[in-house]
């Protein structure tokens, strides 16, 4: 309840709620809808996006351009 209440004003203002950890974001988007939080949870869920979804949406809308170039050193990933 407290997280939904904290995010609700942002969701109502149309601010995207972007999650980096899929399990946390999907809890906001899916599980809160069946936990009895009602319309508040629905409003937050509509604004909840995985990072990849947010980038794809912004790129499709022409608001995100990424100029990639070849790496000059090894790229380490975790």
N, C-alpha and C. Protein backbone atom coordinates (compact mmCIF):
# COMPACT_ATOMS: atom_id res chain seq x y z
N UNK A 1 0.78 -1.19 0.00
CA UNK A 1 0.00 0.00 0.00
C UNK A 1 0.83 1.27 0.00
N UNK A 2 1.89 1.33 0.82
CA UNK A 2 2.68 2.56 0.95
C UNK A 2 3.40 2.89 -0.36
N UNK A 3 3.93 1.88 -1.03
CA UNK A 3 4.63 2.12 -2.29
C UNK A 3 3.65 2.61 -3.36
N UNK A 4 2.50 1.98 -3.44
CA UNK A 4 1.48 2.41 -4.40
C UNK A 4 1.08 3.85 -4.11
N UNK A 5 0.86 4.17 -2.84
CA UNK A 5 0.48 5.54 -2.46
C UNK A 5 1.57 6.54 -2.82
N UNK A 6 2.83 6.15 -2.65
CA UNK A 6 3.95 7.05 -2.97
C UNK A 6 4.08 7.28 -4.47
N UNK A 7 3.83 6.25 -5.26
CA UNK A 7 3.99 6.36 -6.72
C UNK A 7 2.76 6.93 -7.42
N UNK A 8 1.62 6.88 -6.76
CA UNK A 8 0.36 7.29 -7.40
C UNK A 8 0.40 8.71 -7.97
N UNK A 9 0.87 9.72 -7.23
CA UNK A 9 0.89 11.07 -7.83
C UNK A 9 1.73 11.15 -9.10
N UNK A 10 2.83 10.42 -9.13
CA UNK A 10 3.66 10.40 -10.34
C UNK A 10 2.94 9.72 -11.49
N UNK A 11 2.31 8.59 -11.20
CA UNK A 11 1.56 7.87 -12.23
C UNK A 11 0.43 8.73 -12.78
N UNK A 12 -0.28 9.41 -11.90
CA UNK A 12 -1.38 10.26 -12.33
C UNK A 12 -0.90 11.43 -13.18
N UNK A 13 0.34 11.85 -12.96
CA UNK A 13 0.93 12.94 -13.75
C UNK A 13 1.52 12.44 -15.07
N UNK A 14 1.46 11.12 -15.32
CA UNK A 14 1.97 10.56 -16.56
C UNK A 14 3.45 10.29 -16.56
N UNK A 15 4.07 10.29 -15.40
CA UNK A 15 5.51 10.02 -15.30
C UNK A 15 5.75 8.52 -15.43
N UNK A 16 6.62 8.10 -16.35
CA UNK A 16 6.93 6.67 -16.46
C UNK A 16 7.61 6.18 -15.18
N UNK A 17 7.22 5.01 -14.73
CA UNK A 17 7.85 4.36 -13.59
C UNK A 17 8.68 3.23 -14.17
N UNK A 18 9.99 3.44 -14.22
CA UNK A 18 10.90 2.52 -14.91
C UNK A 18 11.63 1.67 -13.89
N UNK A 19 11.56 0.36 -14.07
CA UNK A 19 12.23 -0.56 -13.17
C UNK A 19 13.42 -1.24 -13.83
N UNK A 20 14.50 -1.37 -13.07
CA UNK A 20 15.68 -2.06 -13.58
C UNK A 20 15.67 -3.53 -13.21
N UNK A 21 15.02 -3.88 -12.13
CA UNK A 21 14.93 -5.27 -11.67
C UNK A 21 13.57 -5.82 -12.08
N UNK A 22 13.53 -6.74 -13.04
CA UNK A 22 12.24 -7.22 -13.54
C UNK A 22 11.30 -7.75 -12.47
N UNK A 23 11.80 -8.47 -11.50
CA UNK A 23 10.89 -9.03 -10.50
C UNK A 23 10.21 -7.94 -9.68
N UNK A 24 10.92 -6.87 -9.39
CA UNK A 24 10.32 -5.76 -8.64
C UNK A 24 9.29 -5.03 -9.49
N UNK A 25 9.66 -4.74 -10.73
CA UNK A 25 8.76 -4.00 -11.60
C UNK A 25 7.51 -4.81 -11.91
N UNK A 26 7.68 -6.09 -12.17
CA UNK A 26 6.52 -6.92 -12.49
C UNK A 26 5.60 -7.11 -11.29
N UNK A 27 6.14 -7.02 -10.09
CA UNK A 27 5.29 -7.02 -8.90
C UNK A 27 4.39 -5.79 -8.93
N UNK A 28 4.95 -4.65 -9.27
CA UNK A 28 4.16 -3.42 -9.37
C UNK A 28 3.11 -3.53 -10.47
N UNK A 29 3.51 -4.11 -11.58
CA UNK A 29 2.64 -4.11 -12.75
C UNK A 29 1.59 -5.22 -12.72
N UNK A 30 1.91 -6.34 -12.10
CA UNK A 30 1.00 -7.49 -12.16
C UNK A 30 0.41 -7.87 -10.81
N UNK A 31 1.27 -8.11 -9.85
CA UNK A 31 0.82 -8.68 -8.58
C UNK A 31 -0.01 -7.72 -7.74
N UNK A 32 0.31 -6.43 -7.78
CA UNK A 32 -0.48 -5.49 -6.98
C UNK A 32 -1.92 -5.41 -7.46
N UNK A 33 -2.15 -5.77 -8.72
CA UNK A 33 -3.52 -5.73 -9.25
C UNK A 33 -4.42 -6.78 -8.62
N UNK A 34 -3.85 -7.87 -8.15
CA UNK A 34 -4.66 -8.93 -7.55
C UNK A 34 -4.57 -8.93 -6.02
N UNK A 35 -3.91 -7.93 -5.46
CA UNK A 35 -3.73 -7.87 -4.01
C UNK A 35 -4.72 -6.93 -3.33
N UNK A 36 -5.68 -6.42 -4.08
CA UNK A 36 -6.72 -5.60 -3.48
C UNK A 36 -6.40 -4.12 -3.35
N UNK A 37 -5.45 -3.61 -4.15
CA UNK A 37 -5.13 -2.19 -4.08
C UNK A 37 -5.97 -1.34 -5.03
N UNK A 38 -6.81 -1.99 -5.82
CA UNK A 38 -7.81 -1.30 -6.63
C UNK A 38 -7.29 -0.36 -7.69
N UNK A 39 -8.02 0.76 -7.84
CA UNK A 39 -7.73 1.72 -8.89
C UNK A 39 -6.35 2.35 -8.77
N UNK A 40 -5.88 2.51 -7.54
CA UNK A 40 -4.54 3.07 -7.34
C UNK A 40 -3.49 2.18 -8.00
N UNK A 41 -3.60 0.88 -7.77
CA UNK A 41 -2.65 -0.07 -8.36
C UNK A 41 -2.75 -0.06 -9.88
N UNK A 42 -3.95 0.05 -10.41
CA UNK A 42 -4.11 0.09 -11.86
C UNK A 42 -3.43 1.31 -12.46
N UNK A 43 -3.57 2.45 -11.80
CA UNK A 43 -2.94 3.68 -12.31
C UNK A 43 -1.42 3.54 -12.32
N UNK A 44 -0.87 2.97 -11.26
CA UNK A 44 0.59 2.78 -11.18
C UNK A 44 1.03 1.74 -12.21
N UNK A 45 0.30 0.65 -12.32
CA UNK A 45 0.66 -0.43 -13.25
C UNK A 45 0.71 0.08 -14.70
N UNK A 46 -0.19 0.98 -15.06
CA UNK A 46 -0.21 1.51 -16.43
C UNK A 46 1.05 2.30 -16.77
N UNK A 47 1.71 2.85 -15.76
CA UNK A 47 2.91 3.64 -15.99
C UNK A 47 4.19 2.84 -15.76
N UNK A 48 4.07 1.60 -15.32
CA UNK A 48 5.24 0.78 -14.97
C UNK A 48 5.82 0.10 -16.21
N UNK A 49 7.10 0.33 -16.44
CA UNK A 49 7.78 -0.22 -17.61
C UNK A 49 9.12 -0.82 -17.21
N UNK A 50 9.45 -1.93 -17.84
CA UNK A 50 10.82 -2.43 -17.73
C UNK A 50 11.73 -1.45 -18.46
N UNK A 51 12.99 -1.39 -18.08
CA UNK A 51 13.94 -0.47 -18.71
C UNK A 51 13.94 -0.64 -20.22
N UNK A 52 13.97 -1.89 -20.67
CA UNK A 52 14.01 -2.17 -22.10
C UNK A 52 12.74 -1.67 -22.80
N UNK A 53 11.60 -1.82 -22.15
CA UNK A 53 10.34 -1.34 -22.72
C UNK A 53 10.35 0.19 -22.84
N UNK A 54 10.87 0.84 -21.81
CA UNK A 54 10.94 2.30 -21.83
C UNK A 54 11.82 2.79 -22.97
N UNK A 55 13.01 2.21 -23.12
CA UNK A 55 13.92 2.62 -24.19
C UNK A 55 13.29 2.36 -25.56
N UNK A 56 12.66 1.20 -25.73
CA UNK A 56 12.01 0.88 -27.01
C UNK A 56 10.89 1.87 -27.32
N UNK A 57 10.10 2.21 -26.31
CA UNK A 57 9.00 3.16 -26.50
C UNK A 57 9.53 4.54 -26.88
N UNK A 58 10.55 4.99 -26.18
CA UNK A 58 11.11 6.31 -26.46
C UNK A 58 11.76 6.36 -27.84
N UNK A 59 12.44 5.28 -28.21
CA UNK A 59 13.06 5.23 -29.54
C UNK A 59 12.00 5.26 -30.63
N UNK A 60 10.95 4.49 -30.46
CA UNK A 60 9.86 4.46 -31.44
C UNK A 60 9.21 5.83 -31.59
N UNK A 61 9.13 6.57 -30.50
CA UNK A 61 8.52 7.90 -30.52
C UNK A 61 9.50 8.97 -31.00
N UNK A 62 10.75 8.58 -31.30
CA UNK A 62 11.73 9.53 -31.78
C UNK A 62 12.36 10.40 -30.70
N UNK A 63 12.25 9.97 -29.45
CA UNK A 63 12.79 10.75 -28.34
C UNK A 63 14.09 10.18 -27.79
N UNK A 64 14.63 9.17 -28.46
CA UNK A 64 15.85 8.53 -27.96
C UNK A 64 16.70 8.10 -29.14
N UNK A 65 17.85 8.70 -29.26
CA UNK A 65 18.80 8.32 -30.29
C UNK A 65 20.09 7.88 -29.61
N UNK A 66 20.66 6.82 -30.08
CA UNK A 66 21.88 6.29 -29.51
C UNK A 66 22.89 6.11 -30.63
N UNK A 67 23.94 6.90 -30.60
CA UNK A 67 24.99 6.82 -31.62
C UNK A 67 26.04 5.81 -31.15
N UNK A 68 25.95 4.60 -31.65
CA UNK A 68 26.89 3.55 -31.27
C UNK A 68 28.12 3.60 -32.15
N UNK A 69 29.24 3.20 -31.59
CA UNK A 69 30.48 3.10 -32.36
C UNK A 69 31.25 1.90 -31.83
N UNK A 70 32.18 1.38 -32.61
CA UNK A 70 32.94 0.21 -32.16
C UNK A 70 33.70 0.51 -30.87
N UNK A 71 33.78 -0.50 -30.02
CA UNK A 71 34.53 -0.37 -28.77
C UNK A 71 36.02 -0.39 -29.07
N UNK A 72 36.76 0.40 -28.34
CA UNK A 72 38.21 0.44 -28.51
C UNK A 72 38.93 -0.40 -27.46
N UNK A 73 38.16 -0.97 -26.54
CA UNK A 73 38.71 -1.82 -25.48
C UNK A 73 37.67 -2.89 -25.15
N UNK A 74 38.09 -3.95 -24.49
CA UNK A 74 37.12 -4.98 -24.11
C UNK A 74 36.00 -4.39 -23.24
N UNK A 75 34.80 -4.88 -23.45
CA UNK A 75 33.65 -4.45 -22.65
C UNK A 75 33.32 -5.59 -21.69
N UNK A 76 33.39 -5.30 -20.42
CA UNK A 76 33.12 -6.31 -19.39
C UNK A 76 31.68 -6.17 -18.92
N UNK A 77 30.99 -7.29 -18.85
CA UNK A 77 29.59 -7.30 -18.40
C UNK A 77 29.44 -8.24 -17.22
N UNK A 78 28.47 -7.93 -16.40
CA UNK A 78 28.17 -8.80 -15.25
C UNK A 78 26.78 -9.37 -15.41
